[in-house]
Amino acid sequence: MNKAIQIGAISLAGASFLSLGGCATPAAEQAPEVAVADKTTASATASFVVSEGLSQPTPPTRILDEAAAQRLLGAKRATLQWISWDRRGSVNARMEDGVLRLTATQSQEGGPGRLFLDGYVSEIGADYFTFEGKVQITGTPDRERTCEADKSWRFAVTQNRPYWRLREFEWCDYLTDYVDIYW
């Protein structure tokens, strides 16, 4: 069965292990009862997705600066210099179960250029955030260009600018890409 099940946040309440279906444990070693957190505690625990018996936790975003987190949650625009700094793309930053999720897009007007980001913020400080997810650039500055990576990225504010800039400039093919998220 290849069906993913979203079970929300789970608190293991001091459990040292979890007994999974199909795994036999002697009666003396039975796993303690697992408590499922209600919606009021979900933001303080990790989200889990279970697929074929495996769980992949997304830890809550580590917020070191509340004002910076609020700026990022209010971010509405994104740019890639190859597309345009004047005609900005959109950003959707939202808090889901304690995890700050981030999606951003920009499309070249009348052309093939596209910027796409999708993932979550693992940590945010006063002048930076760490983004875990996909960054994709296609069709710009050359129509044939495609750059895509799914990994950990660092964005930072420099020189008092009103945006965070991706700090890996030549991550794909030695062209310098300026990816910016504006507040």
C-alpha atoms as a PDB file:
ATOM      1  CA  MET A   1       0.000   0.000   0.000  1.00  0.00           C
ATOM      2  CA  ASN A   2       1.587   3.287  -1.064  1.00  0.00           C
ATOM      3  CA  LYS A   3      -0.704   5.664   0.798  1.00  0.00           C
ATOM      4  CA  ALA A   4       0.600   8.449   3.070  1.00  0.00           C
ATOM      5  CA  ILE A   5      -1.330   9.193   6.254  1.00  0.00           C
ATOM      6  CA  GLN A   6      -1.105  12.596   7.981  1.00  0.00           C
ATOM      7  CA  ILE A   7      -1.482  12.062  11.715  1.00  0.00           C
ATOM      8  CA  GLY A   8      -0.532  15.535  12.904  1.00  0.00           C
ATOM      9  CA  ALA A   9       1.598  16.094  15.967  1.00  0.00           C
ATOM     10  CA  ILE A  10       2.556  13.251  18.283  1.00  0.00           C
ATOM     11  CA  SER A  11       3.943  13.494  21.796  1.00  0.00           C
ATOM     12  CA  LEU A  12       5.856  10.429  22.948  1.00  0.00           C
ATOM     13  CA  ALA A  13       5.436  11.452  26.621  1.00  0.00           C
ATOM     14  CA  GLY A  14       8.772  10.058  27.776  1.00  0.00           C
ATOM     15  CA  ALA A  15       8.619   6.894  25.662  1.00  0.00           C
ATOM     16  CA  SER A  16      12.000   5.378  24.874  1.00  0.00           C
ATOM     17  CA  PHE A  17      10.634   3.439  21.909  1.00  0.00           C
ATOM     18  CA  LEU A  18       7.431   2.910  19.916  1.00  0.00           C
ATOM     19  CA  SER A  19       5.975  -0.482  19.086  1.00  0.00           C
ATOM     20  CA  LEU A  20       4.962  -0.544  15.411  1.00  0.00           C
ATOM     21  CA  GLY A  21       2.402  -2.865  13.864  1.00  0.00           C
ATOM     22  CA  GLY A  22       4.006  -6.092  12.667  1.00  0.00           C
ATOM     23  CA  CYS A  23       6.881  -5.791  15.170  1.00  0.00           C
ATOM     24  CA  ALA A  24       6.572  -8.284  18.044  1.00  0.00           C
ATOM     25  CA  THR A  25       7.736  -7.324  21.533  1.00  0.00           C
ATOM     26  CA  PRO A  26       7.625  -9.541  24.631  1.00  0.00           C
ATOM     27  CA  ALA A  27       4.863  -8.686  27.116  1.00  0.00           C
ATOM     28  CA  ALA A  28       7.383  -7.346  29.644  1.00  0.00           C
ATOM     29  CA  GLU A  29       8.759  -4.925  27.044  1.00  0.00           C
ATOM     30  CA  GLN A  30       5.498  -3.521  25.669  1.00  0.00           C
ATOM     31  CA  ALA A  31       5.753   0.096  24.525  1.00  0.00           C
ATOM     32  CA  PRO A  32       4.048   2.716  26.708  1.00  0.00           C
ATOM     33  CA  GLU A  33       0.844   4.283  25.451  1.00  0.00           C
ATOM     34  CA  VAL A  34       1.397   7.020  22.864  1.00  0.00           C
ATOM     35  CA  ALA A  35      -0.541  10.229  23.493  1.00  0.00           C
ATOM     36  CA  VAL A  36      -1.720  12.179  20.457  1.00  0.00           C
ATOM     37  CA  ALA A  37      -1.410  15.912  21.078  1.00  0.00           C
ATOM     38  CA  ASP A  38      -4.510  18.034  20.645  1.00  0.00           C
ATOM     39  CA  LYS A  39      -4.577  21.181  18.509  1.00  0.00           C
ATOM     40  CA  THR A  40      -3.526  23.401  21.424  1.00  0.00           C
ATOM     41  CA  THR A  41      -0.203  21.575  21.837  1.00  0.00           C
ATOM     42  CA  ALA A  42       0.420  20.754  18.184  1.00  0.00           C
ATOM     43  CA  SER A  43       2.487  23.885  17.569  1.00  0.00           C
ATOM     44  CA  ALA A  44       4.977  22.880  20.273  1.00  0.00           C
ATOM     45  CA  THR A  45       5.645  19.404  18.846  1.00  0.00           C
ATOM     46  CA  ALA A  46       6.914  18.032  15.560  1.00  0.00           C
ATOM     47  CA  SER A  47       4.615  17.187  12.644  1.00  0.00           C
ATOM     48  CA  PHE A  48       4.809  13.644  11.313  1.00  0.00           C
ATOM     49  CA  VAL A  49       3.846  12.045   8.015  1.00  0.00           C
ATOM     50  CA  VAL A  50       3.638   8.251   8.073  1.00  0.00           C
ATOM     51  CA  SER A  51       4.134   6.402   4.803  1.00  0.00           C
ATOM     52  CA  GLU A  52       4.345   2.609   4.791  1.00  0.00           C
ATOM     53  CA  GLY A  53       5.327   2.523   8.469  1.00  0.00           C
ATOM     54  CA  LEU A  54       8.081   5.147   8.252  1.00  0.00           C
ATOM     55  CA  SER A  55       7.826   8.603   9.828  1.00  0.00           C
ATOM     56  CA  GLN A  56       9.570  11.748   8.647  1.00  0.00           C
ATOM     57  CA  PRO A  57       9.423  14.514  11.264  1.00  0.00           C
ATOM     58  CA  THR A  58       9.486  18.192  10.384  1.00  0.00           C
ATOM     59  CA  PRO A  59      10.776  19.885  13.518  1.00  0.00           C
ATOM     60  CA  PRO A  60       9.226  23.179  14.636  1.00  0.00           C
ATOM     61  CA  THR A  61      10.919  26.313  13.322  1.00  0.00           C
ATOM     62  CA  ARG A  62      13.537  27.571  15.758  1.00  0.00           C
ATOM     63  CA  ILE A  63      12.691  31.260  16.217  1.00  0.00           C
ATOM     64  CA  LEU A  64      15.607  33.236  17.663  1.00  0.00           C
ATOM     65  CA  ASP A  65      14.136  36.653  16.791  1.00  0.00           C
ATOM     66  CA  GLU A  66      10.352  37.122  16.939  1.00  0.00           C
ATOM     67  CA  ALA A  67      10.438  40.412  14.971  1.00  0.00           C
ATOM     68  CA  ALA A  68      12.328  38.733  12.101  1.00  0.00           C
ATOM     69  CA  ALA A  69       9.829  35.855  12.121  1.00  0.00           C
ATOM     70  CA  GLN A  70       6.952  38.341  11.854  1.00  0.00           C
ATOM     71  CA  ARG A  71       8.713  40.120   8.949  1.00  0.00           C
ATOM     72  CA  LEU A  72       9.115  36.806   7.126  1.00  0.00           C
ATOM     73  CA  LEU A  73       5.478  35.854   7.785  1.00  0.00           C
ATOM     74  CA  GLY A  74       4.544  39.225   6.252  1.00  0.00           C
ATOM     75  CA  ALA A  75       6.803  38.786   3.205  1.00  0.00           C
ATOM     76  CA  LYS A  76       4.880  39.119  -0.053  1.00  0.00           C
ATOM     77  CA  ARG A  77       7.441  39.473  -2.873  1.00  0.00           C
ATOM     78  CA  ALA A  78      10.362  37.516  -4.364  1.00  0.00           C
ATOM     79  CA  THR A  79      12.791  38.263  -7.200  1.00  0.00           C
ATOM     80  CA  LEU A  80      15.476  36.685  -9.314  1.00  0.00           C
ATOM     81  CA  GLN A  81      17.558  39.338 -11.082  1.00  0.00           C
ATOM     82  CA  TRP A  82      17.423  37.497 -14.428  1.00  0.00           C
ATOM     83  CA  ILE A  83      13.621  37.852 -14.444  1.00  0.00           C
ATOM     84  CA  SER A  84      13.068  41.336 -12.981  1.00  0.00           C
ATOM     85  CA  TRP A  85      13.586  43.452  -9.907  1.00  0.00           C
ATOM     86  CA  ASP A  86      10.716  45.744 -10.961  1.00  0.00           C
ATOM     87  CA  ARG A  87       8.043  43.095 -11.555  1.00  0.00           C
ATOM     88  CA  ARG A  88       8.301  40.985  -8.412  1.00  0.00           C
ATOM     89  CA  GLY A  89       6.888  37.534  -7.835  1.00  0.00           C
ATOM     90  CA  SER A  90       4.842  36.348  -4.864  1.00  0.00           C
ATOM     91  CA  VAL A  91       5.632  34.774  -1.494  1.00  0.00           C
ATOM     92  CA  ASN A  92       3.370  32.660   0.685  1.00  0.00           C
ATOM     93  CA  ALA A  93       4.834  32.400   4.207  1.00  0.00           C
ATOM     94  CA  ARG A  94       2.623  30.734   6.794  1.00  0.00           C
ATOM     95  CA  MET A  95       2.850  29.004  10.163  1.00  0.00           C
ATOM     96  CA  GLU A  96       1.575  25.404  10.190  1.00  0.00           C
ATOM     97  CA  ASP A  97       1.791  23.395  13.424  1.00  0.00           C
ATOM     98  CA  GLY A  98       4.817  25.368  14.613  1.00  0.00           C
ATOM     99  CA  VAL A  99       6.617  25.125  11.249  1.00  0.00           C
ATOM    100  CA  LEU A 100       7.117  28.242   9.131  1.00  0.00           C
ATOM    101  CA  ARG A 101       6.394  27.094   5.554  1.00  0.00           C
ATOM    102  CA  LEU A 102       7.569  29.165   2.590  1.00  0.00           C
ATOM    103  CA  THR A 103       6.598  29.072  -1.085  1.00  0.00           C
ATOM    104  CA  ALA A 104       7.725  31.711  -3.591  1.00  0.00           C
ATOM    105  CA  THR A 105       7.329  32.149  -7.346  1.00  0.00           C
ATOM    106  CA  GLN A 106       8.278  34.637 -10.023  1.00  0.00           C
ATOM    107  CA  SER A 107       7.522  34.385 -13.748  1.00  0.00           C
ATOM    108  CA  GLN A 108       9.051  36.327 -16.602  1.00  0.00           C
ATOM    109  CA  GLU A 109       6.446  38.435 -18.387  1.00  0.00           C
ATOM    110  CA  GLY A 110       6.139  37.102 -21.941  1.00  0.00           C
ATOM    111  CA  GLY A 111       9.076  34.723 -21.490  1.00  0.00           C
ATOM    112  CA  PRO A 112      10.070  31.315 -20.171  1.00  0.00           C
ATOM    113  CA  GLY A 113      11.927  32.468 -17.017  1.00  0.00           C
ATOM    114  CA  ARG A 114      10.666  31.009 -13.737  1.00  0.00           C
ATOM    115  CA  LEU A 115      11.732  31.033 -10.083  1.00  0.00           C
ATOM    116  CA  PHE A 116      10.196  28.558  -7.625  1.00  0.00           C
ATOM    117  CA  LEU A 117      10.926  27.893  -3.927  1.00  0.00           C
ATOM    118  CA  ASP A 118       9.057  25.452  -1.722  1.00  0.00           C
ATOM    119  CA  GLY A 119       9.931  24.185   1.746  1.00  0.00           C
ATOM    120  CA  TYR A 120      10.157  25.278   5.347  1.00  0.00           C
ATOM    121  CA  VAL A 121      12.287  27.506   7.563  1.00  0.00           C
ATOM    122  CA  SER A 122      14.237  25.507  10.143  1.00  0.00           C
ATOM    123  CA  GLU A 123      15.688  28.553  11.945  1.00  0.00           C
ATOM    124  CA  ILE A 124      15.288  32.319  11.851  1.00  0.00           C
ATOM    125  CA  GLY A 125      17.501  34.899  13.533  1.00  0.00           C
ATOM    126  CA  ALA A 126      17.685  38.694  13.472  1.00  0.00           C
ATOM    127  CA  ASP A 127      19.301  38.909  10.020  1.00  0.00           C
ATOM    128  CA  TYR A 128      19.064  35.420   8.488  1.00  0.00           C
ATOM    129  CA  PHE A 129      16.966  32.310   8.036  1.00  0.00           C
ATOM    130  CA  THR A 130      17.732  28.730   7.057  1.00  0.00           C
ATOM    131  CA  PHE A 131      15.436  27.322   4.376  1.00  0.00           C
ATOM    132  CA  GLU A 132      15.035  23.567   3.874  1.00  0.00           C
ATOM    133  CA  GLY A 133      13.581  22.744   0.483  1.00  0.00           C
ATOM    134  CA  LYS A 134      13.608  23.201  -3.247  1.00  0.00           C
ATOM    135  CA  VAL A 135      14.968  26.139  -5.220  1.00  0.00           C
ATOM    136  CA  GLN A 136      14.321  25.932  -8.959  1.00  0.00           C
ATOM    137  CA  ILE A 137      15.275  28.319 -11.773  1.00  0.00           C
ATOM    138  CA  THR A 138      14.218  27.588 -15.362  1.00  0.00           C
ATOM    139  CA  GLY A 139      14.421  29.375 -18.695  1.00  0.00           C
ATOM    140  CA  THR A 140      16.596  32.278 -17.560  1.00  0.00           C
ATOM    141  CA  PRO A 141      18.909  33.972 -18.423  1.00  0.00           C
ATOM    142  CA  ASP A 142      19.025  31.360 -21.224  1.00  0.00           C
ATOM    143  CA  ARG A 143      15.926  29.478 -22.405  1.00  0.00           C
ATOM    144  CA  GLU A 144      17.722  26.138 -22.005  1.00  0.00           C
ATOM    145  CA  ARG A 145      18.869  26.756 -18.428  1.00  0.00           C
ATOM    146  CA  THR A 146      17.455  24.565 -15.664  1.00  0.00           C
ATOM    147  CA  CYS A 147      18.777  24.655 -12.098  1.00  0.00           C
ATOM    148  CA  GLU A 148      17.156  22.735  -9.267  1.00  0.00           C
ATOM    149  CA  ALA A 149      18.307  21.580  -5.845  1.00  0.00           C
ATOM    150  CA  ASP A 150      16.518  20.374  -2.711  1.00  0.00           C
ATOM    151  CA  LYS A 151      18.693  21.028   0.328  1.00  0.00           C
ATOM    152  CA  SER A 152      19.486  23.447   3.144  1.00  0.00           C
ATOM    153  CA  TRP A 153      19.894  27.105   2.053  1.00  0.00           C
ATOM    154  CA  ARG A 154      20.896  30.251   3.941  1.00  0.00           C
ATOM    155  CA  PHE A 155      19.217  33.620   3.301  1.00  0.00           C
ATOM    156  CA  ALA A 156      20.554  36.767   4.980  1.00  0.00           C
ATOM    157  CA  VAL A 157      20.022  40.514   5.220  1.00  0.00           C
ATOM    158  CA  THR A 158      23.125  42.518   4.294  1.00  0.00           C
ATOM    159  CA  GLN A 159      23.830  46.262   4.289  1.00  0.00           C
ATOM    160  CA  ASN A 160      20.434  47.082   5.899  1.00  0.00           C
ATOM    161  CA  ARG A 161      18.544  46.083   2.750  1.00  0.00           C
ATOM    162  CA  PRO A 162      14.767  45.369   3.052  1.00  0.00           C
ATOM    163  CA  TYR A 163      15.112  41.739   1.939  1.00  0.00           C
ATOM    164  CA  TRP A 164      16.827  38.439   2.603  1.00  0.00           C
ATOM    165  CA  ARG A 165      19.186  37.258  -0.157  1.00  0.00           C
ATOM    166  CA  LEU A 166      20.143  33.666  -0.895  1.00  0.00           C
ATOM    167  CA  ARG A 167      23.797  33.397   0.137  1.00  0.00           C
ATOM    168  CA  GLU A 168      24.747  30.719  -2.433  1.00  0.00           C
ATOM    169  CA  PHE A 169      25.259  32.714  -5.589  1.00  0.00           C
ATOM    170  CA  GLU A 170      26.872  30.226  -8.002  1.00  0.00           C
ATOM    171  CA  TRP A 171      25.195  27.041  -6.815  1.00  0.00           C
ATOM    172  CA  CYS A 172      24.183  25.661 -10.194  1.00  0.00           C
ATOM    173  CA  ASP A 173      26.307  26.416 -13.243  1.00  0.00           C
ATOM    174  CA  TYR A 174      28.664  29.214 -12.177  1.00  0.00           C
ATOM    175  CA  LEU A 175      26.218  31.991 -13.080  1.00  0.00           C
ATOM    176  CA  THR A 176      25.506  34.358 -10.189  1.00  0.00           C
ATOM    177  CA  ASP A 177      21.853  34.156  -9.125  1.00  0.00           C
ATOM    178  CA  TYR A 178      20.406  36.776  -6.775  1.00  0.00           C
ATOM    179  CA  VAL A 179      17.281  35.297  -5.170  1.00  0.00           C
ATOM    180  CA  ASP A 180      15.621  37.810  -2.822  1.00  0.00           C
ATOM    181  CA  ILE A 181      12.655  37.595  -0.404  1.00  0.00           C
ATOM    182  CA  TYR A 182      11.214  41.073   0.446  1.00  0.00           C
ATOM    183  CA  TRP A 183       9.364  42.094   3.591  1.00  0.00           C
END
